[in-house]
N, C-alpha and C. Protein backbone atom coordinates (compact mmCIF):
# COMPACT_ATOMS: atom_id res chain seq x y z
N MET A 1 0.52 -1.22 -0.18
CA MET A 1 0.21 0.03 -0.18
C MET A 1 0.56 1.04 -0.21
N ILE A 2 0.76 2.16 -0.61
CA ILE A 2 1.13 3.14 -0.85
C ILE A 2 0.64 4.40 0.22
N THR A 3 1.90 4.89 1.40
CA THR A 3 0.89 5.80 2.14
C THR A 3 0.93 7.14 1.88
N PRO A 4 0.16 8.18 2.37
CA PRO A 4 0.66 9.46 1.83
C PRO A 4 1.91 10.24 2.04
N ASP A 5 2.71 9.84 3.06
CA ASP A 5 4.03 9.87 3.27
C ASP A 5 4.82 9.72 2.11
N GLN A 6 4.54 8.78 1.15
CA GLN A 6 5.14 8.30 0.26
C GLN A 6 4.39 8.68 -1.27
N ALA A 7 3.25 9.00 -0.61
CA ALA A 7 2.99 10.26 -2.29
C ALA A 7 3.47 11.33 -2.52
N ALA A 8 3.40 11.92 -1.40
CA ALA A 8 4.20 13.41 -0.89
C ALA A 8 6.03 12.98 -1.27
N THR A 9 6.69 12.03 -0.99
CA THR A 9 7.98 11.51 -1.82
C THR A 9 7.91 11.52 -3.19
N PHE A 10 6.96 10.75 -3.43
CA PHE A 10 6.93 10.59 -4.92
C PHE A 10 6.90 12.08 -5.91
N GLU A 11 6.37 13.00 -5.13
CA GLU A 11 5.69 14.20 -5.99
C GLU A 11 7.05 15.24 -5.80
N ARG A 12 7.48 15.04 -4.72
CA ARG A 12 9.15 15.83 -4.65
C ARG A 12 9.93 15.27 -5.96
N CYS A 13 9.98 13.92 -5.83
CA CYS A 13 11.08 13.24 -6.93
C CYS A 13 10.65 13.80 -8.15
N MET A 14 9.32 14.05 -8.30
CA MET A 14 9.12 14.31 -9.91
C MET A 14 9.50 15.62 -9.76
N ALA A 15 9.60 16.74 -8.87
CA ALA A 15 9.38 17.94 -9.27
C ALA A 15 11.29 18.66 -8.93
N VAL A 16 12.13 17.16 -8.85
CA VAL A 16 13.09 17.87 -9.02
C VAL A 16 13.96 16.74 -9.81
N GLY A 17 13.39 15.95 -10.80
CA GLY A 17 14.14 15.28 -11.75
C GLY A 17 14.21 14.53 -11.72
N GLY A 18 13.47 13.10 -10.31
CA GLY A 18 13.93 12.09 -10.47
C GLY A 18 12.77 11.17 -11.10
N VAL A 19 13.15 9.75 -11.22
CA VAL A 19 12.59 9.14 -11.98
C VAL A 19 12.07 7.84 -10.84
N ALA A 20 10.77 7.24 -11.04
CA ALA A 20 10.11 6.50 -9.87
C ALA A 20 9.43 5.21 -10.35
N ILE A 21 9.45 4.22 -10.08
CA ILE A 21 8.57 3.07 -10.43
C ILE A 21 7.59 3.57 -8.95
N PHE A 22 6.10 2.95 -9.73
CA PHE A 22 4.78 3.13 -9.08
C PHE A 22 4.23 2.10 -9.50
N GLY A 23 3.01 2.11 -8.73
CA GLY A 23 2.00 1.30 -8.82
C GLY A 23 0.73 2.21 -9.18
N ALA A 24 -0.11 2.22 -10.35
CA ALA A 24 -1.14 2.58 -10.63
C ALA A 24 -2.49 1.59 -10.21
N ASP A 25 -3.18 1.39 -11.45
CA ASP A 25 -4.71 0.87 -11.82
C ASP A 25 -3.90 -0.35 -12.47
N THR A 26 -3.11 -0.43 -13.28
CA THR A 26 -3.34 -1.78 -14.75
C THR A 26 -1.72 -2.76 -14.21
N VAL A 27 -0.50 -1.81 -14.48
CA VAL A 27 0.74 -2.38 -14.37
C VAL A 27 1.83 -1.47 -13.62
N TYR A 28 2.84 -1.99 -13.41
CA TYR A 28 4.01 -1.01 -12.84
C TYR A 28 4.45 -0.17 -13.76
N GLY A 29 4.66 1.10 -13.37
CA GLY A 29 4.89 2.09 -14.61
C GLY A 29 6.30 2.94 -13.80
N LEU A 30 7.15 3.64 -15.30
CA LEU A 30 7.89 4.30 -14.39
C LEU A 30 7.52 5.76 -14.95
N ALA A 31 7.66 6.64 -13.52
CA ALA A 31 7.70 8.18 -14.05
C ALA A 31 8.40 8.89 -14.17
N CYS A 32 8.18 10.17 -14.45
CA CYS A 32 9.25 11.23 -14.41
C CYS A 32 8.60 12.49 -14.69
N ASP A 33 9.05 13.70 -14.38
CA ASP A 33 8.38 15.06 -14.88
C ASP A 33 8.50 15.37 -16.38
N PRO A 34 7.03 15.62 -17.43
CA PRO A 34 7.43 15.20 -18.46
C PRO A 34 8.09 16.24 -18.90
N ASP A 35 8.27 17.71 -18.31
CA ASP A 35 9.18 18.60 -18.42
C ASP A 35 10.57 19.03 -18.48
N THR A 36 11.03 17.75 -18.19
CA THR A 36 12.48 17.75 -17.72
C THR A 36 13.05 16.59 -18.66
N ARG A 37 14.23 17.46 -19.54
CA ARG A 37 14.63 16.82 -20.66
C ARG A 37 15.44 15.34 -19.90
N GLU A 38 16.08 15.76 -18.92
CA GLU A 38 17.35 14.86 -18.59
C GLU A 38 16.70 13.48 -17.72
N ALA A 39 15.26 13.73 -17.23
CA ALA A 39 14.49 13.12 -16.72
C ALA A 39 13.93 11.77 -17.65
N VAL A 40 13.37 12.46 -18.79
CA VAL A 40 12.94 11.75 -19.86
C VAL A 40 13.78 10.95 -20.82
N GLU A 41 15.07 11.33 -20.66
CA GLU A 41 15.93 10.68 -21.14
C GLU A 41 16.54 9.41 -20.73
N ARG A 42 16.90 9.78 -19.41
CA ARG A 42 16.76 8.86 -18.14
C ARG A 42 15.89 7.91 -18.18
N LEU A 43 14.66 8.06 -18.40
CA LEU A 43 13.50 6.81 -18.46
C LEU A 43 13.95 6.06 -19.06
N TYR A 44 14.13 6.78 -20.94
CA TYR A 44 13.65 6.08 -21.74
C TYR A 44 15.14 5.10 -21.94
N ALA A 45 16.36 5.54 -21.67
CA ALA A 45 17.54 4.40 -21.34
C ALA A 45 17.36 3.50 -20.56
N MET A 46 16.33 3.45 -19.14
CA MET A 46 16.34 2.65 -18.16
C MET A 46 15.39 1.43 -19.12
N LYS A 47 14.58 1.55 -19.93
CA LYS A 47 13.61 0.82 -21.14
C LYS A 47 13.93 0.28 -22.29
N GLY A 48 15.19 1.40 -22.40
CA GLY A 48 15.78 0.52 -23.87
C GLY A 48 14.84 1.34 -24.76
N ARG A 49 13.98 2.04 -24.57
CA ARG A 49 12.94 2.81 -25.65
C ARG A 49 13.69 3.88 -26.59
N ARG A 50 13.02 3.67 -27.59
CA ARG A 50 13.86 4.98 -28.94
C ARG A 50 12.83 6.23 -27.99
N PRO A 51 14.01 7.28 -28.17
CA PRO A 51 13.50 8.67 -27.98
C PRO A 51 12.37 9.60 -28.71
N ASP A 52 12.27 8.41 -29.92
CA ASP A 52 11.23 8.93 -30.80
C ASP A 52 9.74 8.47 -30.30
N LYS A 53 9.55 7.52 -29.47
CA LYS A 53 8.41 6.87 -29.60
C LYS A 53 7.90 7.57 -27.78
N PRO A 54 6.71 8.00 -28.37
CA PRO A 54 5.70 8.90 -27.58
C PRO A 54 5.51 8.23 -25.89
N ALA A 55 5.11 9.12 -24.94
CA ALA A 55 4.37 8.43 -23.70
C ALA A 55 3.46 9.01 -23.49
N ALA A 56 2.73 8.40 -22.10
CA ALA A 56 1.83 9.04 -21.69
C ALA A 56 2.01 10.27 -20.32
N VAL A 57 0.84 11.16 -20.88
CA VAL A 57 1.22 11.68 -19.37
C VAL A 57 -0.15 11.63 -18.51
N MET A 58 -0.13 11.32 -17.59
CA MET A 58 -0.59 11.13 -16.34
C MET A 58 -0.53 11.95 -15.57
N LEU A 59 -2.14 12.50 -15.28
CA LEU A 59 -2.34 12.94 -13.97
C LEU A 59 -3.05 12.43 -12.66
N PHE A 60 -3.59 12.91 -11.55
CA PHE A 60 -4.09 11.98 -10.61
C PHE A 60 -5.59 12.34 -10.08
N SER A 61 -5.77 13.25 -11.10
CA SER A 61 -7.23 13.35 -10.85
C SER A 61 -8.04 14.34 -12.08
N LEU A 62 -9.13 13.85 -13.06
CA LEU A 62 -9.68 14.07 -14.08
C LEU A 62 -9.86 15.93 -13.79
N ASP A 63 -9.94 16.44 -12.81
CA ASP A 63 -9.57 17.80 -12.88
C ASP A 63 -8.53 18.29 -12.94
N LEU A 64 -7.60 17.97 -12.79
CA LEU A 64 -6.05 18.39 -12.96
C LEU A 64 -5.81 18.07 -14.42
N ALA A 65 -6.53 16.84 -14.80
CA ALA A 65 -6.15 16.81 -16.55
C ALA A 65 -7.02 17.84 -17.05
N LEU A 66 -8.32 17.77 -17.26
CA LEU A 66 -8.83 19.24 -17.81
C LEU A 66 -8.16 20.45 -17.32
N ALA A 67 -7.83 20.38 -16.42
CA ALA A 67 -7.10 22.49 -15.98
C ALA A 67 -5.41 21.96 -16.99
N ALA A 68 -4.84 21.09 -17.28
CA ALA A 68 -4.01 20.87 -18.20
C ALA A 68 -3.95 21.20 -19.17
N LEU A 69 -5.41 20.55 -19.88
CA LEU A 69 -5.05 20.59 -21.00
C LEU A 69 -6.56 21.77 -21.66
N PRO A 70 -6.34 22.47 -21.24
CA PRO A 70 -7.99 23.64 -20.80
C PRO A 70 -8.53 24.26 -22.98
N GLU A 71 -8.10 23.58 -23.75
CA GLU A 71 -8.43 23.76 -25.12
C GLU A 71 -9.47 23.03 -25.37
N LEU A 72 -9.55 21.99 -24.68
CA LEU A 72 -10.58 20.72 -25.18
C LEU A 72 -11.77 21.00 -25.32
N GLY A 73 -12.17 20.52 -26.16
CA GLY A 73 -14.09 20.89 -26.25
C GLY A 73 -15.02 20.37 -25.31
N PRO A 74 -16.25 20.55 -25.64
CA PRO A 74 -16.91 20.24 -24.88
C PRO A 74 -17.35 18.72 -24.74
N ARG A 75 -16.93 18.35 -26.65
CA ARG A 75 -17.79 16.76 -26.59
C ARG A 75 -16.53 16.00 -26.37
N THR A 76 -15.66 16.38 -26.48
CA THR A 76 -14.29 15.78 -25.83
C THR A 76 -14.05 15.55 -24.20
N VAL A 77 -14.54 16.75 -23.73
CA VAL A 77 -14.55 16.60 -22.05
C VAL A 77 -15.86 15.82 -22.01
N ALA A 78 -16.51 15.80 -22.70
CA ALA A 78 -17.63 14.76 -22.30
C ALA A 78 -17.08 13.62 -22.06
N GLY A 79 -16.54 12.99 -23.63
CA GLY A 79 -15.64 11.85 -23.31
C GLY A 79 -15.23 11.15 -22.38
N LEU A 80 -14.01 12.45 -22.32
CA LEU A 80 -13.29 11.86 -20.79
C LEU A 80 -13.77 11.80 -19.76
N GLU A 81 -14.77 12.53 -19.34
CA GLU A 81 -15.58 12.57 -18.14
C GLU A 81 -16.16 11.21 -18.29
N GLY A 82 -16.50 10.71 -19.17
CA GLY A 82 -17.44 8.75 -18.91
C GLY A 82 -16.41 7.89 -18.84
N LEU A 83 -14.88 8.41 -19.47
CA LEU A 83 -13.61 7.42 -19.54
C LEU A 83 -12.84 7.05 -18.34
N LEU A 84 -12.91 8.26 -17.76
CA LEU A 84 -11.86 8.62 -16.54
C LEU A 84 -12.74 9.16 -15.58
N PRO A 85 -11.83 8.64 -14.31
CA PRO A 85 -10.64 7.86 -14.23
C PRO A 85 -11.09 6.64 -14.91
N GLY A 86 -9.86 5.61 -15.54
CA GLY A 86 -10.00 4.36 -15.30
C GLY A 86 -8.77 4.03 -16.25
N PRO A 87 -8.50 2.26 -16.74
CA PRO A 87 -7.61 1.73 -17.22
C PRO A 87 -8.02 2.33 -18.64
N VAL A 88 -7.23 3.39 -19.12
CA VAL A 88 -7.47 3.98 -20.49
C VAL A 88 -6.48 5.06 -20.64
N THR A 89 -5.73 4.85 -21.86
CA THR A 89 -5.17 6.27 -22.33
C THR A 89 -5.72 6.49 -23.35
N VAL A 90 -5.79 7.96 -23.61
CA VAL A 90 -6.82 8.58 -24.52
C VAL A 90 -5.63 9.33 -25.01
N LEU A 91 -6.06 9.48 -26.31
CA LEU A 91 -4.94 10.02 -27.45
C LEU A 91 -5.72 11.16 -28.05
N LEU A 92 -5.14 12.79 -27.96
CA LEU A 92 -5.82 13.94 -27.26
C LEU A 92 -5.33 14.76 -28.42
N PRO A 93 -5.96 15.64 -28.85
CA PRO A 93 -5.51 16.79 -30.12
C PRO A 93 -4.81 17.77 -29.13
N ASN A 94 -3.46 17.89 -29.35
CA ASN A 94 -2.51 18.72 -28.70
C ASN A 94 -2.22 20.21 -29.73
N PRO A 95 -2.86 21.11 -30.01
CA PRO A 95 -2.63 22.37 -31.00
C PRO A 95 -1.50 23.17 -30.39
N THR A 96 -1.84 23.28 -28.88
CA THR A 96 -0.43 23.75 -28.13
C THR A 96 0.40 23.55 -27.85
N ARG A 97 0.97 22.40 -27.81
CA ARG A 97 1.60 21.37 -27.78
C ARG A 97 2.56 21.34 -26.87
N ARG A 98 1.81 20.84 -25.38
CA ARG A 98 1.87 20.95 -24.61
C ARG A 98 2.79 19.27 -24.10
N PHE A 99 3.40 19.48 -23.18
CA PHE A 99 3.81 18.67 -22.69
C PHE A 99 5.03 17.93 -24.46
N PRO A 100 5.82 18.03 -24.65
CA PRO A 100 5.97 18.25 -26.03
C PRO A 100 7.51 16.67 -25.77
N LEU A 101 7.99 16.96 -24.52
CA LEU A 101 8.86 15.68 -24.71
C LEU A 101 8.14 14.09 -24.49
N ALA A 102 6.51 14.24 -24.16
CA ALA A 102 6.15 13.32 -23.99
C ALA A 102 5.51 12.78 -25.57
N CYS A 103 5.43 14.02 -26.49
CA CYS A 103 4.70 13.44 -27.84
C CYS A 103 5.39 12.73 -28.54
N GLY A 104 6.76 12.66 -28.50
CA GLY A 104 7.10 12.11 -29.75
C GLY A 104 7.34 12.90 -31.05
N PRO A 105 7.43 11.87 -32.31
CA PRO A 105 7.33 13.23 -33.71
C PRO A 105 6.09 13.57 -33.72
N ASP A 106 4.74 13.34 -32.69
CA ASP A 106 3.28 14.08 -32.99
C ASP A 106 3.15 14.91 -32.07
N PRO A 107 3.70 16.19 -32.00
CA PRO A 107 3.56 17.08 -31.04
C PRO A 107 2.03 17.76 -30.81
N GLU A 108 1.24 17.60 -31.66
CA GLU A 108 0.51 17.72 -31.45
C GLU A 108 -0.90 16.52 -31.06
N THR A 109 0.06 15.95 -30.60
CA THR A 109 -1.34 14.83 -29.95
C THR A 109 -0.20 14.25 -28.76
N VAL A 110 -1.12 14.10 -28.04
CA VAL A 110 -1.26 13.88 -26.34
C VAL A 110 -1.37 12.99 -25.72
N GLY A 111 -0.79 11.89 -25.20
CA GLY A 111 -1.68 10.51 -24.29
C GLY A 111 -2.13 11.11 -23.24
N LEU A 112 -2.96 10.69 -22.96
CA LEU A 112 -3.57 10.64 -21.53
C LEU A 112 -3.94 9.86 -20.91
N ARG A 113 -3.67 9.97 -19.69
CA ARG A 113 -4.15 8.43 -18.06
C ARG A 113 -4.40 9.42 -16.68
N VAL A 114 -5.63 8.82 -16.18
CA VAL A 114 -6.20 9.31 -15.41
C VAL A 114 -6.19 8.16 -14.50
N PRO A 115 -5.66 7.60 -13.83
CA PRO A 115 -5.57 6.30 -13.03
C PRO A 115 -6.90 5.84 -12.12
N ALA A 116 -7.89 4.88 -12.21
CA ALA A 116 -8.69 4.22 -11.17
C ALA A 116 -7.85 4.26 -10.09
N LEU A 117 -7.98 4.97 -8.68
CA LEU A 117 -7.15 4.39 -7.96
C LEU A 117 -8.12 3.75 -6.90
N GLY A 118 -7.25 2.20 -6.26
CA GLY A 118 -7.83 1.64 -5.36
C GLY A 118 -7.34 2.10 -4.18
N PRO A 119 -7.88 1.19 -2.97
CA PRO A 119 -7.48 1.15 -1.47
C PRO A 119 -5.53 1.13 -1.66
N ALA A 120 -5.33 0.30 -2.30
CA ALA A 120 -3.91 0.86 -1.89
C ALA A 120 -3.21 1.50 -2.43
N THR A 121 -3.94 2.37 -3.40
CA THR A 121 -2.78 3.69 -4.18
C THR A 121 -3.92 5.04 -4.14
N ALA A 122 -4.52 4.55 -2.97
CA ALA A 122 -5.75 6.30 -2.60
C ALA A 122 -4.38 7.33 -2.72
N ALA A 123 -3.47 7.21 -1.84
CA ALA A 123 -2.83 8.66 -1.38
C ALA A 123 -2.28 8.76 -2.66
N LEU A 124 -2.73 8.31 -3.74
CA LEU A 124 -1.39 8.69 -5.42
C LEU A 124 -2.94 10.57 -5.47
N GLY A 125 -4.20 10.28 -4.88
CA GLY A 125 -5.11 10.94 -5.33
C GLY A 125 -4.09 12.58 -5.00
N ALA A 126 -3.41 12.33 -3.57
CA ALA A 126 -2.94 13.78 -3.65
C ALA A 126 -1.78 14.42 -4.63
N VAL A 127 -1.50 13.68 -5.24
CA VAL A 127 -0.08 14.19 -6.54
C VAL A 127 -0.78 15.09 -7.13
N ARG A 128 -0.39 16.39 -7.32
CA ARG A 128 -0.93 17.24 -8.29
C ARG A 128 0.15 17.45 -9.11
N TRP A 129 1.04 16.44 -9.16
CA TRP A 129 2.22 17.23 -10.46
C TRP A 129 1.86 15.98 -11.23
N PRO A 130 1.88 16.70 -12.58
CA PRO A 130 1.91 15.62 -13.74
C PRO A 130 3.20 14.83 -13.79
N VAL A 131 2.95 13.85 -14.63
CA VAL A 131 3.82 12.59 -14.64
C VAL A 131 4.07 12.15 -16.23
N MET A 132 5.48 11.86 -17.08
CA MET A 132 5.47 11.06 -18.02
C MET A 132 5.68 10.09 -17.07
N GLN A 133 4.58 8.44 -18.08
CA GLN A 133 4.74 7.40 -17.75
C GLN A 133 4.50 6.27 -18.63
N SER A 134 5.83 5.37 -18.78
CA SER A 134 5.72 4.17 -19.25
C SER A 134 6.24 3.48 -18.69
N SER A 135 5.43 1.91 -18.86
CA SER A 135 5.46 0.45 -18.81
C SER A 135 7.00 0.13 -17.73
N ALA A 136 6.75 -0.25 -16.46
CA ALA A 136 7.97 -0.58 -15.98
C ALA A 136 8.85 -1.94 -16.55
N ASN A 137 9.44 -2.09 -17.30
CA ASN A 137 9.98 -3.18 -18.79
C ASN A 137 10.43 -2.87 -19.46
N PRO A 138 11.41 -3.88 -19.69
CA PRO A 138 12.17 -3.39 -20.73
C PRO A 138 11.54 -3.00 -22.45
N SER A 139 12.02 -2.11 -22.89
CA SER A 139 10.81 -2.07 -24.08
C SER A 139 10.83 -3.12 -25.21
N GLY A 140 9.32 -3.50 -25.26
CA GLY A 140 8.82 -4.68 -25.68
C GLY A 140 8.41 -5.53 -24.76
N GLY A 141 8.94 -5.88 -23.61
CA GLY A 141 8.63 -6.94 -22.66
C GLY A 141 7.56 -6.85 -21.81
N ALA A 142 7.63 -7.89 -21.35
CA ALA A 142 6.15 -8.32 -20.51
C ALA A 142 5.75 -7.28 -19.64
N ASP A 143 4.66 -6.91 -19.52
CA ASP A 143 4.21 -5.40 -18.00
C ASP A 143 4.31 -6.59 -16.79
N ALA A 144 4.89 -5.39 -16.02
CA ALA A 144 5.01 -5.77 -14.60
C ALA A 144 3.49 -5.71 -13.45
N ARG A 145 3.22 -7.39 -13.33
CA ARG A 145 2.39 -6.89 -11.93
C ARG A 145 2.34 -6.67 -10.60
N ARG A 146 3.55 -6.96 -10.32
CA ARG A 146 4.51 -6.90 -8.98
C ARG A 146 5.48 -6.77 -9.44
N VAL A 147 6.44 -5.59 -8.15
CA VAL A 147 7.90 -4.99 -8.02
C VAL A 147 8.29 -5.83 -8.86
N ALA A 148 8.06 -7.52 -8.16
CA ALA A 148 9.20 -8.59 -8.09
C ALA A 148 9.68 -8.70 -9.59
N ASP A 149 8.63 -8.26 -10.27
CA ASP A 149 8.52 -8.88 -11.73
C ASP A 149 9.63 -7.82 -12.94
N ILE A 150 9.53 -6.45 -12.38
CA ILE A 150 10.06 -5.75 -13.03
C ILE A 150 11.87 -5.71 -12.69
N PRO A 151 12.46 -6.02 -13.94
CA PRO A 151 14.02 -6.62 -13.93
C PRO A 151 14.62 -5.90 -13.22
N ALA A 152 15.77 -6.56 -12.28
CA ALA A 152 16.14 -5.26 -11.32
C ALA A 152 17.11 -4.58 -11.32
N ALA A 153 17.62 -4.66 -12.67
CA ALA A 153 18.24 -3.33 -13.71
C ALA A 153 17.78 -2.50 -13.90
N ILE A 154 16.44 -2.27 -14.04
CA ILE A 154 15.64 -1.08 -13.37
C ILE A 154 15.31 -0.61 -12.41
N ARG A 155 14.93 -1.54 -11.51
CA ARG A 155 14.40 -1.39 -9.95
C ARG A 155 15.73 -0.40 -9.30
N SER A 156 16.81 -0.89 -9.43
CA SER A 156 17.93 -0.76 -8.39
C SER A 156 18.80 1.05 -9.78
N ALA A 157 17.96 0.93 -11.13
CA ALA A 157 18.44 2.63 -11.70
C ALA A 157 17.45 4.10 -11.19
N VAL A 158 16.29 3.76 -10.48
CA VAL A 158 15.73 4.35 -10.06
C VAL A 158 15.83 5.25 -8.90
N ASP A 159 14.88 6.34 -8.75
CA ASP A 159 15.28 6.71 -7.15
C ASP A 159 14.64 6.75 -6.22
N LEU A 160 13.10 6.14 -6.96
CA LEU A 160 11.80 5.86 -5.76
C LEU A 160 11.28 4.59 -6.30
N VAL A 161 10.95 3.82 -5.34
CA VAL A 161 10.13 2.40 -5.84
C VAL A 161 8.78 2.76 -4.99
N LEU A 162 7.94 2.84 -5.19
CA LEU A 162 6.09 3.12 -4.68
C LEU A 162 5.61 1.59 -4.83
N ASP A 163 6.00 0.88 -3.57
CA ASP A 163 5.12 -0.64 -3.88
C ASP A 163 3.53 -0.61 -3.57
N ALA A 164 2.79 -0.94 -4.76
CA ALA A 164 1.56 -0.91 -4.29
C ALA A 164 0.68 -2.44 -4.40
N GLY A 165 1.65 -3.53 -4.47
CA GLY A 165 1.09 -4.67 -3.89
C GLY A 165 0.68 -5.03 -5.19
N ASP A 166 0.18 -6.64 -5.80
CA ASP A 166 -0.29 -6.89 -7.18
C ASP A 166 -1.01 -6.53 -7.98
N LEU A 167 -0.75 -5.60 -8.65
CA LEU A 167 -1.80 -4.93 -9.89
C LEU A 167 -2.67 -5.72 -10.51
N ASP A 168 -3.76 -5.22 -11.50
CA ASP A 168 -4.19 -6.04 -12.65
C ASP A 168 -3.68 -6.79 -13.14
N GLY A 169 -2.29 -6.01 -13.99
CA GLY A 169 -1.46 -6.17 -14.73
C GLY A 169 -1.63 -6.83 -16.37
N THR A 170 -2.97 -5.92 -16.60
CA THR A 170 -3.85 -5.65 -18.05
C THR A 170 -3.18 -4.38 -18.02
N ALA A 171 -2.59 -4.33 -19.32
CA ALA A 171 -2.37 -2.88 -19.81
C ALA A 171 -3.49 -2.08 -20.17
N SER A 172 -3.59 -0.51 -19.97
CA SER A 172 -4.57 0.12 -20.17
C SER A 172 -5.16 0.02 -21.70
N THR A 173 -6.25 0.13 -22.51
CA THR A 173 -6.75 0.77 -23.24
C THR A 173 -6.84 1.57 -23.83
N VAL A 174 -6.24 1.44 -25.26
CA VAL A 174 -5.84 3.15 -25.48
C VAL A 174 -6.87 3.66 -27.08
N VAL A 175 -7.37 5.20 -26.29
CA VAL A 175 -8.72 5.05 -27.34
C VAL A 175 -7.91 6.55 -28.38
N ASP A 176 -8.00 6.37 -29.39
CA ASP A 176 -7.87 7.40 -29.90
C ASP A 176 -9.03 8.99 -30.10
N LEU A 177 -9.03 9.72 -29.68
CA LEU A 177 -10.21 11.05 -29.14
C LEU A 177 -10.21 12.13 -30.18
N ARG A 178 -8.58 12.07 -30.91
CA ARG A 178 -8.34 12.78 -31.53
C ARG A 178 -9.83 13.79 -32.62
N ALA A 179 -10.24 13.07 -33.21
CA ALA A 179 -11.65 13.54 -34.48
C ALA A 179 -12.95 13.19 -33.67
N PHE A 180 -12.61 13.14 -31.90
CA PHE A 180 -14.08 13.21 -31.61
C PHE A 180 -15.15 14.60 -31.50
N GLU A 181 -14.23 15.74 -31.19
CA GLU A 181 -14.88 17.13 -31.14
C GLU A 181 -15.66 17.56 -32.50
N GLU A 182 -14.68 17.18 -33.78
CA GLU A 182 -15.14 17.97 -34.85
C GLU A 182 -16.59 16.57 -35.31
N HIS A 183 -15.91 15.59 -35.48
CA HIS A 183 -16.36 14.35 -36.26
C HIS A 183 -17.18 13.04 -35.16
N GLY A 184 -17.18 13.63 -34.32
CA GLY A 184 -17.79 12.78 -33.59
C GLY A 184 -17.60 10.94 -33.46
N THR A 185 -15.89 10.82 -33.99
CA THR A 185 -15.79 9.51 -34.11
C THR A 185 -14.70 9.27 -33.50
N TRP A 186 -14.18 7.87 -32.91
CA TRP A 186 -13.52 7.36 -32.05
C TRP A 186 -12.59 6.15 -32.53
N GLU A 187 -11.69 6.07 -32.06
CA GLU A 187 -11.36 4.13 -32.49
C GLU A 187 -10.48 3.71 -31.00
N VAL A 188 -10.51 2.66 -30.80
CA VAL A 188 -9.73 1.57 -29.90
C VAL A 188 -8.66 1.39 -30.76
N VAL A 189 -6.89 1.95 -30.59
CA VAL A 189 -5.98 1.79 -30.75
C VAL A 189 -5.58 0.31 -30.01
N ARG A 190 -5.64 -0.08 -28.64
CA ARG A 190 -5.35 -1.20 -28.22
C ARG A 190 -6.52 -1.21 -27.52
N GLU A 191 -7.10 -2.90 -27.67
CA GLU A 191 -7.87 -3.08 -26.21
C GLU A 191 -6.92 -3.71 -25.06
N GLY A 192 -7.31 -3.57 -24.08
CA GLY A 192 -6.58 -3.63 -23.06
C GLY A 192 -7.85 -4.38 -21.76
N ALA A 193 -7.13 -2.98 -20.81
CA ALA A 193 -8.23 -3.55 -19.21
C ALA A 193 -9.49 -3.58 -19.53
N LEU A 194 -9.55 -2.57 -20.47
CA LEU A 194 -11.41 -2.10 -20.47
C LEU A 194 -11.79 -2.09 -21.74
N ALA A 195 -12.82 -3.07 -22.07
CA ALA A 195 -13.58 -3.84 -22.75
C ALA A 195 -14.06 -2.68 -24.12
N ARG A 196 -13.38 -2.94 -25.26
CA ARG A 196 -14.38 -1.97 -25.99
C ARG A 196 -15.95 -1.55 -26.10
N SER A 197 -16.47 -2.65 -25.79
CA SER A 197 -17.53 -2.36 -25.53
C SER A 197 -18.79 -1.66 -24.45
N CYS A 198 -18.00 -1.57 -23.31
CA CYS A 198 -17.68 -0.17 -22.31
C CYS A 198 -17.03 1.09 -22.97
N VAL A 199 -16.12 1.06 -23.60
CA VAL A 199 -16.07 2.41 -24.48
C VAL A 199 -17.06 3.03 -25.34
N ALA A 200 -17.32 1.92 -26.22
CA ALA A 200 -18.56 2.30 -27.20
C ALA A 200 -19.84 2.78 -26.13
N ALA A 201 -19.88 2.08 -25.01
CA ALA A 201 -21.48 2.53 -24.42
C ALA A 201 -21.32 3.76 -23.84
N THR A 202 -20.03 4.58 -23.45
CA THR A 202 -19.82 5.39 -23.03
C THR A 202 -19.90 6.46 -24.15
N LEU A 203 -19.33 6.20 -25.57
CA LEU A 203 -19.06 7.49 -26.41
C LEU A 203 -20.07 7.57 -27.43
N GLU A 204 -20.79 6.45 -27.54
CA GLU A 204 -21.58 5.89 -28.63
C GLU A 204 -22.80 7.37 -28.44
N GLY A 205 -23.52 7.18 -27.34
CA GLY A 205 -24.36 8.56 -26.99
C GLY A 205 -23.90 10.04 -27.23
N LEU A 206 -22.55 10.31 -27.01
CA LEU A 206 -22.10 11.42 -27.20
C LEU A 206 -21.65 11.89 -28.50
N ALA A 207 -21.44 11.00 -29.44
CA ALA A 207 -20.81 11.52 -31.00
C ALA A 207 -21.75 12.15 -32.10
């Protein structure tokens, strides 16, 4: 279980450019400040991930997420309110190019995560700092359901480990909402922890 003191330490770690392992609602992830180049490069190096591949930006409440992306239109906001918090990564239009280090080669698209926090991770709800997050595994490797599943080389390279116990172990579902505001269209890019039928039930009434 993540304690309030550990959540506060996690936020400080992000603020000073550290990299942390943490558990949220799907699989264990690596986190760093999305606007600190050195931290982003370090996180990618730990994974052996190409630096031109995008990563998601996670905020720990929907209110914080909407405040971070104030240009989103009303239909897109309604879609987010239906899907989040939850085990979903949402691809969104990013015309002002926020969080460019997380966006890879397409700075006008940002991936957003707002996790559904359970009893073991509820303390993270107090974290107000946005984080860039990617799964805590070597690039292309198996997702980690528990801290022990994370390779020792990654565990020894980070500045902080937040152990939330055993997680679901299924990666987030990726939903593309970039055309949702204008055209009402959406796409499930990767089906994961949330079934496509659940995404459809949420979004089809808004299209």
